[in-house]
Amino acid sequence: MKAVVLDGYTLNPGDLDWKDLQAHLELVVYDRTQPHEVISRISDASIVFTNKTVIDKEVIESCDNVKYIGVLATGYNVVDIEECQKRGIIVTNVPTYSTQAVAQHVLALLLEVTNQVGLHNQLVKQKVWSQGPDFTFWSSPLIELYGKTAGIIGYGKIGQAVTKVFESLGMDVIVYNRSQIKDDYPQVSLEYLLQNSDVISLHVPLTKQTHQIINEDRLKLMKKEAILINTSRGPLIDEEVLVEALSNQWIYAAALDVTTQEPIQSDHPLLALDNCFITPHIAWAPTETRRRLLGQVVDNVVSYLNGQPINVVTK
């Protein structure tokens, strides 16, 4: 059965192996696929794998052979799910594979804001410490997190893991979640969380309801000392307003692993701001995490081939 991986490079730039998929499928792997190439590359395939390459209504209508789409990620907004449901195409994703890695990256971003390890390492290697008159120096404010309030927006698996990280730092945690949570953390309104949190971390999927959930009105609710962290999806934040908020000190800092357009445009105004810390969508990317992801991709497609699909998002 022919299968095509449209954008395999990010998952496997060469340090993993496609052999477990090849054992079950006639597999063609493309490192990257441009939008105009999608239809020609998958028109004769029964199975398609995509990470961020868009499979929209036009593509689906033009590719009658496709019966299964495996998303190489947790989020599946790159696939027109409604059209797949109409045509009986099974779509699967890989939930929870990156939970601990993302929680780790949230911590890394937060500590970069509060402790500026990268900056001070650079200054030490530039001999600033060696040439200084004192046994110590710091070039930016250093912030202790103990006793501060962390607000978690979205209390799924990743939100829960991040909660434990914040607790380990001695922070008080409050949660905003659309449904009732089972754990014993104060569950508050979004407005209360924004007004009372020193650190705010986003952990909701991108939907019509969450698109730009952080907008001008909500940024203005935040403390001037607030640190905003986003490791979920870029469009959760209105970036144009975020630039204004950071430039005018409405909030202290933002730490982002995701942006609305990826890769970020080279002239994006966020790049010029010292209080905006950006990594290139790597929270999910440790080797161990990607190996786990690929293993689940194999399990998903094997279950489908055996007539018992799992992790199905078209229901």
Protein backbone atom coordinates (compact mmCIF):
# COMPACT_ATOMS: atom_id res chain seq x y z
CA MET A 1 0.00 0.00 0.00
CA LYS A 2 1.55 3.29 -1.07
CA ALA A 3 2.15 5.87 1.64
CA VAL A 4 3.70 9.32 1.43
CA VAL A 5 5.37 11.40 4.12
CA LEU A 6 5.03 15.01 2.98
CA ASP A 7 7.41 16.71 5.41
CA GLY A 8 9.58 14.17 7.15
CA TYR A 9 12.67 16.26 7.83
CA THR A 10 11.55 17.94 11.05
CA LEU A 11 10.62 14.62 12.64
CA ASN A 12 13.60 12.75 11.25
CA PRO A 13 16.50 14.90 10.02
CA GLY A 14 18.61 11.75 9.92
CA ASP A 15 18.92 10.62 13.53
CA LEU A 16 15.87 8.31 13.44
CA ASP A 17 14.83 5.51 11.07
CA TRP A 18 11.77 5.01 8.86
CA LYS A 19 12.28 1.21 8.77
CA ASP A 20 9.32 0.37 11.04
CA LEU A 21 6.95 2.21 8.69
CA GLN A 22 8.65 0.71 5.65
CA ALA A 23 8.00 -2.75 7.07
CA HIS A 24 4.25 -2.20 6.57
CA LEU A 25 4.02 0.25 3.67
CA GLU A 26 5.43 1.18 0.28
CA LEU A 27 6.82 4.39 1.72
CA VAL A 28 7.92 7.55 -0.09
CA VAL A 29 9.46 10.21 2.15
CA TYR A 30 9.82 13.86 1.17
CA ASP A 31 11.79 16.14 3.46
CA ARG A 32 9.56 19.07 2.54
CA THR A 33 6.58 19.69 0.26
CA GLN A 34 5.48 23.04 -1.11
CA PRO A 35 1.72 23.74 -1.29
CA HIS A 36 1.65 23.41 -5.09
CA GLU A 37 3.32 19.98 -4.89
CA VAL A 38 0.92 18.29 -2.44
CA ILE A 39 -1.68 17.00 -4.90
CA SER A 40 0.80 15.53 -7.38
CA ARG A 41 2.74 13.80 -4.61
CA ILE A 42 -0.22 12.10 -2.91
CA SER A 43 -2.72 11.62 -5.76
CA ASP A 44 -1.93 7.90 -6.06
CA ALA A 45 -1.34 7.25 -2.35
CA SER A 46 -3.74 5.55 0.04
CA ILE A 47 -1.97 6.77 3.18
CA VAL A 48 -0.53 10.23 3.82
CA PHE A 49 1.56 11.52 6.71
CA THR A 50 1.90 15.23 7.42
CA ASN A 51 3.29 17.36 10.18
CA LYS A 52 2.68 20.95 9.11
CA THR A 53 1.94 20.59 5.39
CA VAL A 54 -1.67 21.66 4.86
CA ILE A 55 -4.18 19.14 3.51
CA ASP A 56 -7.21 21.28 2.77
CA LYS A 57 -10.52 20.71 1.01
CA GLU A 58 -9.02 21.28 -2.45
CA VAL A 59 -6.35 18.67 -1.85
CA ILE A 60 -8.82 16.15 -0.46
CA GLU A 61 -11.22 16.64 -3.37
CA SER A 62 -8.38 16.04 -5.83
CA CYS A 63 -7.04 12.87 -4.18
CA ASP A 64 -9.71 10.18 -4.19
CA ASN A 65 -7.24 7.43 -3.34
CA VAL A 66 -6.43 8.81 0.10
CA LYS A 67 -8.11 6.80 2.83
CA TYR A 68 -5.93 7.60 5.86
CA ILE A 69 -4.07 10.70 7.03
CA GLY A 70 -1.63 10.37 9.90
CA VAL A 71 -0.70 13.66 11.54
CA LEU A 72 2.86 13.57 12.85
CA ALA A 73 1.92 15.77 15.79
CA THR A 74 -0.77 16.34 18.40
CA GLY A 75 -2.42 19.35 16.76
CA TYR A 76 -4.31 18.55 13.57
CA ASN A 77 -5.55 21.93 12.41
CA VAL A 78 -3.52 21.51 9.18
CA VAL A 79 -6.07 18.95 7.96
CA ASP A 80 -9.64 19.79 6.90
CA ILE A 81 -11.27 17.41 9.37
CA GLU A 82 -14.81 18.22 8.29
CA GLU A 83 -14.08 17.32 4.66
CA CYS A 84 -12.35 14.11 5.74
CA GLN A 85 -15.38 13.14 7.79
CA LYS A 86 -17.64 13.66 4.78
CA ARG A 87 -15.46 11.38 2.65
CA GLY A 88 -14.82 8.72 5.28
CA ILE A 89 -11.09 9.44 5.51
CA ILE A 90 -9.59 8.37 8.82
CA VAL A 91 -7.35 11.00 10.43
CA THR A 92 -5.19 10.18 13.44
CA ASN A 93 -2.87 12.22 15.61
CA VAL A 94 -0.30 11.49 18.33
CA PRO A 95 -1.48 12.78 21.70
CA THR A 96 0.68 13.25 24.82
CA TYR A 97 4.01 12.19 23.26
CA SER A 98 5.66 15.53 24.07
CA THR A 99 4.14 16.32 27.47
CA GLN A 100 7.32 16.20 29.54
CA ALA A 101 9.49 17.80 26.85
CA VAL A 102 7.14 20.77 26.54
CA ALA A 103 6.97 21.19 30.31
CA GLN A 104 10.78 21.16 30.35
CA HIS A 105 10.88 23.82 27.64
CA VAL A 106 8.41 26.03 29.51
CA LEU A 107 10.82 25.91 32.43
CA ALA A 108 13.77 26.70 30.16
CA LEU A 109 11.99 29.74 28.71
CA LEU A 110 10.91 30.96 32.13
CA LEU A 111 14.39 30.66 33.61
CA GLU A 112 15.89 32.42 30.61
CA VAL A 113 13.64 35.39 31.37
CA THR A 114 14.27 35.36 35.12
CA ASN A 115 17.95 34.34 35.25
CA GLN A 116 19.29 35.35 31.81
CA VAL A 117 21.77 32.46 31.71
CA GLY A 118 22.43 32.88 27.99
CA LEU A 119 23.21 36.59 28.29
CA HIS A 120 25.51 36.19 31.29
CA ASN A 121 27.35 33.24 29.76
CA GLN A 122 27.98 35.40 26.69
CA LEU A 123 29.22 38.33 28.81
CA VAL A 124 31.56 36.09 30.81
CA LYS A 125 33.09 34.75 27.60
CA GLN A 126 33.47 38.32 26.39
CA LYS A 127 35.73 38.85 29.47
CA VAL A 128 33.32 41.27 31.20
CA TRP A 129 33.61 39.30 34.46
CA SER A 130 37.37 38.85 34.13
CA GLN A 131 37.85 42.58 33.73
CA GLY A 132 35.39 43.63 36.45
CA PRO A 133 36.25 44.93 39.92
CA ASP A 134 33.87 42.63 41.85
CA PHE A 135 33.43 38.91 42.50
CA THR A 136 30.00 39.13 40.84
CA PHE A 137 27.96 41.19 38.42
CA TRP A 138 24.65 41.02 36.64
CA SER A 139 23.61 42.83 33.51
CA SER A 140 19.83 42.47 33.84
CA PRO A 141 17.36 42.13 36.71
CA LEU A 142 17.28 38.66 38.27
CA ILE A 143 13.90 37.40 39.49
CA GLU A 144 13.11 34.86 42.21
CA LEU A 145 10.01 32.80 41.43
CA TYR A 146 9.35 31.40 44.90
CA GLY A 147 6.00 32.59 46.26
CA LYS A 148 4.87 34.10 42.98
CA THR A 149 1.63 33.10 41.24
CA ALA A 150 1.61 31.02 38.06
CA GLY A 151 -1.52 31.00 35.91
CA ILE A 152 -2.14 27.96 33.69
CA ILE A 153 -4.51 28.54 30.77
CA GLY A 154 -5.63 25.07 29.66
CA TYR A 155 -5.32 22.13 32.03
CA GLY A 156 -4.74 19.18 29.71
CA LYS A 157 -1.81 16.80 30.03
CA ILE A 158 0.79 19.47 29.29
CA GLY A 159 -0.88 22.04 31.54
CA GLN A 160 -0.87 19.48 34.35
CA ALA A 161 2.83 18.69 33.84
CA VAL A 162 3.72 22.40 33.78
CA THR A 163 1.75 22.87 37.01
CA LYS A 164 4.07 20.39 38.76
CA VAL A 165 7.11 22.24 37.42
CA PHE A 166 5.86 25.53 38.77
CA GLU A 167 4.98 23.95 42.10
CA SER A 168 8.50 22.58 42.38
CA LEU A 169 9.74 26.18 42.26
CA GLY A 170 7.54 27.12 45.20
CA MET A 171 5.01 28.98 43.08
CA ASP A 172 1.29 29.18 43.79
CA VAL A 173 -0.74 27.84 40.87
CA ILE A 174 -4.15 28.94 39.63
CA VAL A 175 -5.93 27.43 36.64
CA TYR A 176 -8.32 28.53 33.92
CA ASN A 177 -9.97 25.64 32.10
CA ARG A 178 -13.25 25.43 30.23
CA SER A 179 -14.30 22.24 32.00
CA GLN A 180 -14.07 21.37 35.68
CA ILE A 181 -10.69 20.04 36.79
CA LYS A 182 -10.29 17.20 39.27
CA ASP A 183 -7.15 18.45 40.99
CA ASP A 184 -7.06 20.74 43.97
CA TYR A 185 -5.78 23.93 42.35
CA PRO A 186 -7.94 27.07 42.45
CA GLN A 187 -9.97 27.15 39.23
CA VAL A 188 -10.62 30.78 38.35
CA SER A 189 -12.03 32.92 35.57
CA LEU A 190 -9.71 33.93 32.74
CA GLU A 191 -9.94 37.57 33.81
CA TYR A 192 -8.98 36.74 37.41
CA LEU A 193 -6.02 34.67 36.24
CA LEU A 194 -4.72 37.42 33.97
CA GLN A 195 -5.04 40.05 36.69
CA ASN A 196 -3.36 38.02 39.43
CA SER A 197 -0.63 35.94 37.80
CA ASP A 198 3.07 36.76 37.72
CA VAL A 199 3.66 34.04 35.12
CA ILE A 200 1.04 33.01 32.54
CA SER A 201 1.52 29.88 30.46
CA LEU A 202 -0.72 28.95 27.52
CA HIS A 203 -1.71 25.31 27.00
CA VAL A 204 -4.87 25.32 24.89
CA PRO A 205 -5.32 24.04 21.32
CA LEU A 206 -5.85 26.49 18.48
CA THR A 207 -9.57 26.71 17.71
CA LYS A 208 -11.97 29.43 16.64
CA GLN A 209 -12.62 30.08 20.32
CA THR A 210 -8.96 30.32 21.34
CA HIS A 211 -7.66 32.25 18.32
CA GLN A 212 -6.05 35.40 19.80
CA ILE A 213 -7.29 34.50 23.26
CA ILE A 214 -4.54 36.90 24.32
CA ASN A 215 -5.66 40.18 22.78
CA GLU A 216 -5.38 43.86 23.65
CA ASP A 217 -8.01 43.86 26.38
CA ARG A 218 -6.50 40.80 28.04
CA LEU A 219 -2.92 42.02 27.82
CA LYS A 220 -4.04 45.19 29.56
CA LEU A 221 -5.44 43.11 32.41
CA MET A 222 -2.03 41.63 33.20
CA LYS A 223 0.40 42.86 35.81
CA LYS A 224 3.28 45.04 34.65
CA GLU A 225 5.54 42.35 36.14
CA ALA A 226 3.86 39.52 34.23
CA ILE A 227 5.77 37.03 32.10
CA LEU A 228 3.74 35.48 29.25
CA ILE A 229 4.81 32.05 27.93
CA ASN A 230 3.45 30.37 24.80
CA THR A 231 4.53 26.87 23.78
CA SER A 232 1.17 25.94 22.19
CA ARG A 233 0.28 27.75 18.95
CA GLY A 234 1.33 31.19 17.76
CA PRO A 235 -2.12 32.51 16.82
CA LEU A 236 -3.26 32.24 20.44
CA ILE A 237 -1.68 35.69 20.79
CA ASP A 238 -2.38 38.84 18.80
CA GLU A 239 1.27 39.51 17.95
CA GLU A 240 0.72 43.06 16.75
CA VAL A 241 -0.69 43.98 20.14
CA LEU A 242 2.00 41.96 21.93
CA VAL A 243 4.64 44.15 20.29
CA GLU A 244 2.87 47.21 21.69
CA ALA A 245 2.51 45.62 25.12
CA LEU A 246 6.20 44.73 25.36
CA SER A 247 7.39 48.03 23.89
CA ASN A 248 5.32 50.05 26.35
CA GLN A 249 5.89 47.81 29.37
CA TRP A 250 2.27 46.72 29.79
CA ILE A 251 3.91 43.40 30.78
CA TYR A 252 7.47 42.51 31.76
CA ALA A 253 8.35 39.92 29.12
CA ALA A 254 7.13 37.26 26.71
CA ALA A 255 8.77 33.90 26.02
CA LEU A 256 7.59 32.17 22.85
CA ASP A 257 8.36 28.85 21.23
CA VAL A 258 5.69 29.44 18.57
CA THR A 259 4.70 32.35 16.35
CA THR A 260 1.79 33.05 14.03
CA GLN A 261 3.93 32.55 10.93
CA GLU A 262 6.60 29.89 11.09
CA PRO A 263 9.40 30.46 10.46
CA ILE A 264 9.03 33.98 11.80
CA GLN A 265 9.55 36.77 9.27
CA SER A 266 13.04 38.26 9.41
CA ASP A 267 11.64 41.77 9.85
CA HIS A 268 9.10 40.88 12.54
CA PRO A 269 9.12 43.61 15.22
CA LEU A 270 9.21 41.02 18.03
CA LEU A 271 12.79 40.22 17.01
CA ALA A 272 13.93 43.70 17.99
CA LEU A 273 12.61 43.54 21.55
CA ASP A 274 14.98 42.64 24.39
CA ASN A 275 12.06 41.53 26.55
CA CYS A 276 10.82 39.00 24.01
CA PHE A 277 12.55 35.61 24.06
CA ILE A 278 11.90 33.32 21.08
CA THR A 279 12.89 29.75 20.27
CA PRO A 280 12.13 28.11 16.88
CA HIS A 281 9.27 25.72 17.78
CA ILE A 282 11.57 23.19 19.47
CA ALA A 283 9.71 22.23 22.65
CA TRP A 284 8.69 18.95 20.99
CA ALA A 285 12.07 18.21 19.42
CA PRO A 286 14.34 16.29 21.84
CA THR A 287 15.56 13.06 20.24
CA GLU A 288 13.77 10.90 22.79
CA THR A 289 10.51 12.76 22.19
CA ARG A 290 10.66 12.44 18.42
CA ARG A 291 11.50 8.74 18.72
CA ARG A 292 8.40 8.29 20.88
CA LEU A 293 6.34 10.19 18.31
CA LEU A 294 7.53 8.04 15.43
CA GLY A 295 6.78 4.88 17.40
CA GLN A 296 3.21 6.02 17.97
CA VAL A 297 2.83 6.93 14.29
CA VAL A 298 3.72 3.33 13.47
CA ASP A 299 1.26 2.00 16.07
CA ASN A 300 -1.48 4.24 14.66
CA VAL A 301 -1.10 3.07 11.07
CA VAL A 302 -0.69 -0.60 12.00
CA SER A 303 -3.89 -0.42 14.03
CA TYR A 304 -5.61 1.14 11.03
CA LEU A 305 -4.34 -1.58 8.70
CA ASN A 306 -5.66 -4.16 11.16
CA GLY A 307 -9.10 -2.57 11.06
CA GLN A 308 -8.98 -1.15 14.59
CA PRO A 309 -7.78 2.46 14.24
CA ILE A 310 -6.65 4.33 17.34
CA ASN A 311 -6.14 8.02 18.13
CA VAL A 312 -8.78 8.89 15.56
CA VAL A 313 -9.78 12.57 15.39
CA THR A 314 -12.45 12.11 12.68
CA LYS A 315 -15.42 10.70 14.60
